[in-house]
Amino acid sequence: MINAVGREIPEKIGDYVVKPYTGAYTTVPSDAPVHTLRTAGKHSMCPETRKCWEVLRKPSKPQD
């Protein structure tokens, strides 16, 4: 079997059937929801980070 760049590759390695790479966006993504443990927003911040975030969020005074 010859792959996309012209190299000879085996059709089987042991019991594994080799499938050449066809591209990044050739398969349709799953409709299943993605499970994540991440939380968003300021509720997930530690107290030190939240204090820094609140200071940076305030508008600064113009300097002369």
N, C-alpha and C. Protein backbone atom coordinates (compact mmCIF):
# COMPACT_ATOMS: atom_id res chain seq x y z
N MET A 1 0.86 -1.17 0.00
CA MET A 1 0.00 0.00 0.00
C MET A 1 0.91 1.24 0.00
N ILE A 2 0.54 2.25 -0.76
CA ILE A 2 1.32 3.48 -0.85
C ILE A 2 0.51 4.60 -0.19
N ASN A 3 1.17 5.37 0.69
CA ASN A 3 0.47 6.46 1.38
C ASN A 3 0.48 7.74 0.54
N ALA A 4 -0.05 8.83 1.11
CA ALA A 4 -0.22 10.09 0.38
C ALA A 4 1.10 10.70 -0.09
N VAL A 5 2.19 10.44 0.62
CA VAL A 5 3.49 11.01 0.21
C VAL A 5 4.32 10.05 -0.62
N GLY A 6 3.71 8.94 -1.04
CA GLY A 6 4.38 8.01 -1.94
C GLY A 6 5.23 6.96 -1.27
N ARG A 7 5.13 6.78 0.01
CA ARG A 7 5.92 5.77 0.71
C ARG A 7 5.15 4.46 0.81
N GLU A 8 5.88 3.39 0.72
CA GLU A 8 5.29 2.06 0.85
C GLU A 8 5.06 1.77 2.34
N ILE A 9 3.83 1.40 2.69
CA ILE A 9 3.51 1.05 4.07
C ILE A 9 2.86 -0.33 4.09
N PRO A 10 3.05 -1.10 5.17
CA PRO A 10 2.44 -2.42 5.22
C PRO A 10 0.93 -2.34 5.36
N GLU A 11 0.22 -3.34 4.85
CA GLU A 11 -1.23 -3.35 4.98
C GLU A 11 -1.67 -3.81 6.36
N LYS A 12 -0.86 -4.67 6.99
CA LYS A 12 -1.17 -5.16 8.33
C LYS A 12 0.11 -5.22 9.15
N ILE A 13 0.00 -4.91 10.44
CA ILE A 13 1.09 -5.10 11.38
C ILE A 13 0.51 -5.98 12.48
N GLY A 14 0.85 -7.25 12.45
CA GLY A 14 0.24 -8.20 13.38
C GLY A 14 -1.24 -8.32 13.06
N ASP A 15 -2.10 -8.06 14.05
CA ASP A 15 -3.54 -8.10 13.84
C ASP A 15 -4.11 -6.73 13.46
N TYR A 16 -3.28 -5.69 13.52
CA TYR A 16 -3.73 -4.32 13.26
C TYR A 16 -3.75 -4.02 11.76
N VAL A 17 -4.87 -3.56 11.25
CA VAL A 17 -4.98 -3.17 9.85
C VAL A 17 -4.61 -1.70 9.74
N VAL A 18 -3.59 -1.41 8.95
CA VAL A 18 -3.08 -0.05 8.80
C VAL A 18 -4.01 0.76 7.91
N LYS A 19 -4.34 1.98 8.38
CA LYS A 19 -5.16 2.90 7.59
C LYS A 19 -4.34 4.17 7.38
N PRO A 20 -4.03 4.55 6.17
CA PRO A 20 -3.24 5.76 5.94
C PRO A 20 -3.97 7.01 6.44
N TYR A 21 -3.22 7.99 6.88
CA TYR A 21 -3.77 9.27 7.33
C TYR A 21 -4.44 9.96 6.15
N THR A 22 -5.69 10.38 6.36
CA THR A 22 -6.43 10.99 5.26
C THR A 22 -6.60 12.49 5.39
N GLY A 23 -6.26 13.07 6.51
CA GLY A 23 -6.36 14.51 6.67
C GLY A 23 -7.02 14.87 7.99
N ALA A 24 -6.85 16.11 8.38
CA ALA A 24 -7.34 16.55 9.69
C ALA A 24 -8.86 16.68 9.73
N TYR A 25 -9.49 17.09 8.65
CA TYR A 25 -10.91 17.40 8.69
C TYR A 25 -11.74 16.49 7.79
N THR A 26 -11.30 15.25 7.61
CA THR A 26 -12.03 14.34 6.75
C THR A 26 -13.14 13.60 7.48
N THR A 27 -13.02 13.44 8.79
CA THR A 27 -14.06 12.75 9.54
C THR A 27 -15.03 13.76 10.14
N VAL A 28 -16.27 13.35 10.29
CA VAL A 28 -17.30 14.21 10.87
C VAL A 28 -17.18 14.15 12.39
N PRO A 29 -17.14 15.30 13.08
CA PRO A 29 -17.03 15.26 14.53
C PRO A 29 -18.28 14.69 15.17
N SER A 30 -18.12 14.15 16.34
CA SER A 30 -19.22 13.53 17.07
C SER A 30 -20.19 14.60 17.59
N ASP A 31 -21.47 14.24 17.69
CA ASP A 31 -22.47 15.14 18.26
C ASP A 31 -22.57 15.01 19.76
N ALA A 32 -21.79 14.12 20.35
CA ALA A 32 -21.84 13.91 21.79
C ALA A 32 -21.31 15.14 22.51
N PRO A 33 -21.93 15.54 23.63
CA PRO A 33 -21.44 16.70 24.37
C PRO A 33 -20.06 16.43 24.97
N VAL A 34 -19.26 17.46 25.05
CA VAL A 34 -17.92 17.35 25.60
C VAL A 34 -18.01 17.46 27.13
N HIS A 35 -17.44 16.50 27.83
CA HIS A 35 -17.45 16.51 29.29
C HIS A 35 -16.19 17.22 29.78
N THR A 36 -16.35 18.21 30.61
CA THR A 36 -15.21 18.94 31.14
C THR A 36 -15.42 19.23 32.62
N LEU A 37 -14.33 19.35 33.34
CA LEU A 37 -14.39 19.69 34.76
C LEU A 37 -14.01 21.15 34.99
N ARG A 38 -13.76 21.89 33.92
CA ARG A 38 -13.37 23.29 34.05
C ARG A 38 -14.57 24.15 34.40
N THR A 39 -14.33 25.16 35.20
CA THR A 39 -15.37 26.13 35.50
C THR A 39 -14.93 27.47 34.93
N ALA A 40 -15.89 28.29 34.59
CA ALA A 40 -15.56 29.56 33.94
C ALA A 40 -15.93 30.71 34.86
N GLY A 41 -15.29 31.83 34.64
CA GLY A 41 -15.64 33.04 35.37
C GLY A 41 -14.85 33.24 36.65
N LYS A 42 -15.22 34.29 37.37
CA LYS A 42 -14.46 34.65 38.56
C LYS A 42 -14.73 33.73 39.75
N HIS A 43 -15.74 32.87 39.66
CA HIS A 43 -16.03 31.96 40.76
C HIS A 43 -14.94 30.90 40.92
N SER A 44 -14.21 30.66 39.86
CA SER A 44 -13.16 29.64 39.91
C SER A 44 -11.81 30.21 40.33
N MET A 45 -11.72 31.51 40.54
CA MET A 45 -10.44 32.14 40.87
C MET A 45 -10.12 32.01 42.35
N CYS A 46 -8.82 31.88 42.64
CA CYS A 46 -8.40 31.89 44.03
C CYS A 46 -8.46 33.34 44.52
N PRO A 47 -8.50 33.58 45.83
CA PRO A 47 -8.66 34.95 46.35
C PRO A 47 -7.60 35.93 45.86
N GLU A 48 -6.36 35.49 45.74
CA GLU A 48 -5.30 36.40 45.28
C GLU A 48 -5.52 36.81 43.83
N THR A 49 -5.93 35.88 43.02
CA THR A 49 -6.19 36.17 41.61
C THR A 49 -7.40 37.08 41.47
N ARG A 50 -8.43 36.83 42.25
CA ARG A 50 -9.64 37.65 42.18
C ARG A 50 -9.32 39.09 42.56
N LYS A 51 -8.49 39.30 43.60
CA LYS A 51 -8.13 40.66 44.03
C LYS A 51 -7.37 41.37 42.90
N CYS A 52 -6.45 40.68 42.27
CA CYS A 52 -5.67 41.25 41.18
C CYS A 52 -6.59 41.57 39.99
N TRP A 53 -7.52 40.68 39.69
CA TRP A 53 -8.46 40.86 38.59
C TRP A 53 -9.34 42.08 38.83
N GLU A 54 -9.80 42.27 40.08
CA GLU A 54 -10.66 43.42 40.38
C GLU A 54 -9.90 44.74 40.26
N VAL A 55 -8.63 44.74 40.66
CA VAL A 55 -7.81 45.94 40.54
C VAL A 55 -7.57 46.27 39.07
N LEU A 56 -7.28 45.27 38.27
CA LEU A 56 -7.00 45.51 36.85
C LEU A 56 -8.26 45.87 36.08
N ARG A 57 -9.41 45.45 36.56
CA ARG A 57 -10.66 45.73 35.87
C ARG A 57 -11.09 47.19 35.99
N LYS A 58 -10.70 47.85 37.08
CA LYS A 58 -11.09 49.25 37.28
C LYS A 58 -10.36 50.13 36.26
N PRO A 59 -11.04 51.15 35.76
CA PRO A 59 -10.36 52.05 34.82
C PRO A 59 -9.25 52.83 35.52
N SER A 60 -8.15 53.00 34.85
CA SER A 60 -7.03 53.74 35.43
C SER A 60 -7.23 55.24 35.24
N LYS A 61 -6.63 56.01 36.14
CA LYS A 61 -6.71 57.47 36.04
C LYS A 61 -5.67 57.96 35.05
N PRO A 62 -6.02 58.91 34.21
CA PRO A 62 -5.01 59.44 33.28
C PRO A 62 -3.90 60.18 34.02
N GLN A 63 -2.69 60.00 33.54
CA GLN A 63 -1.53 60.67 34.16
C GLN A 63 -1.18 61.92 33.37
N ASP A 64 -0.73 62.93 34.07
CA ASP A 64 -0.34 64.20 33.42
C ASP A 64 1.05 64.12 32.85
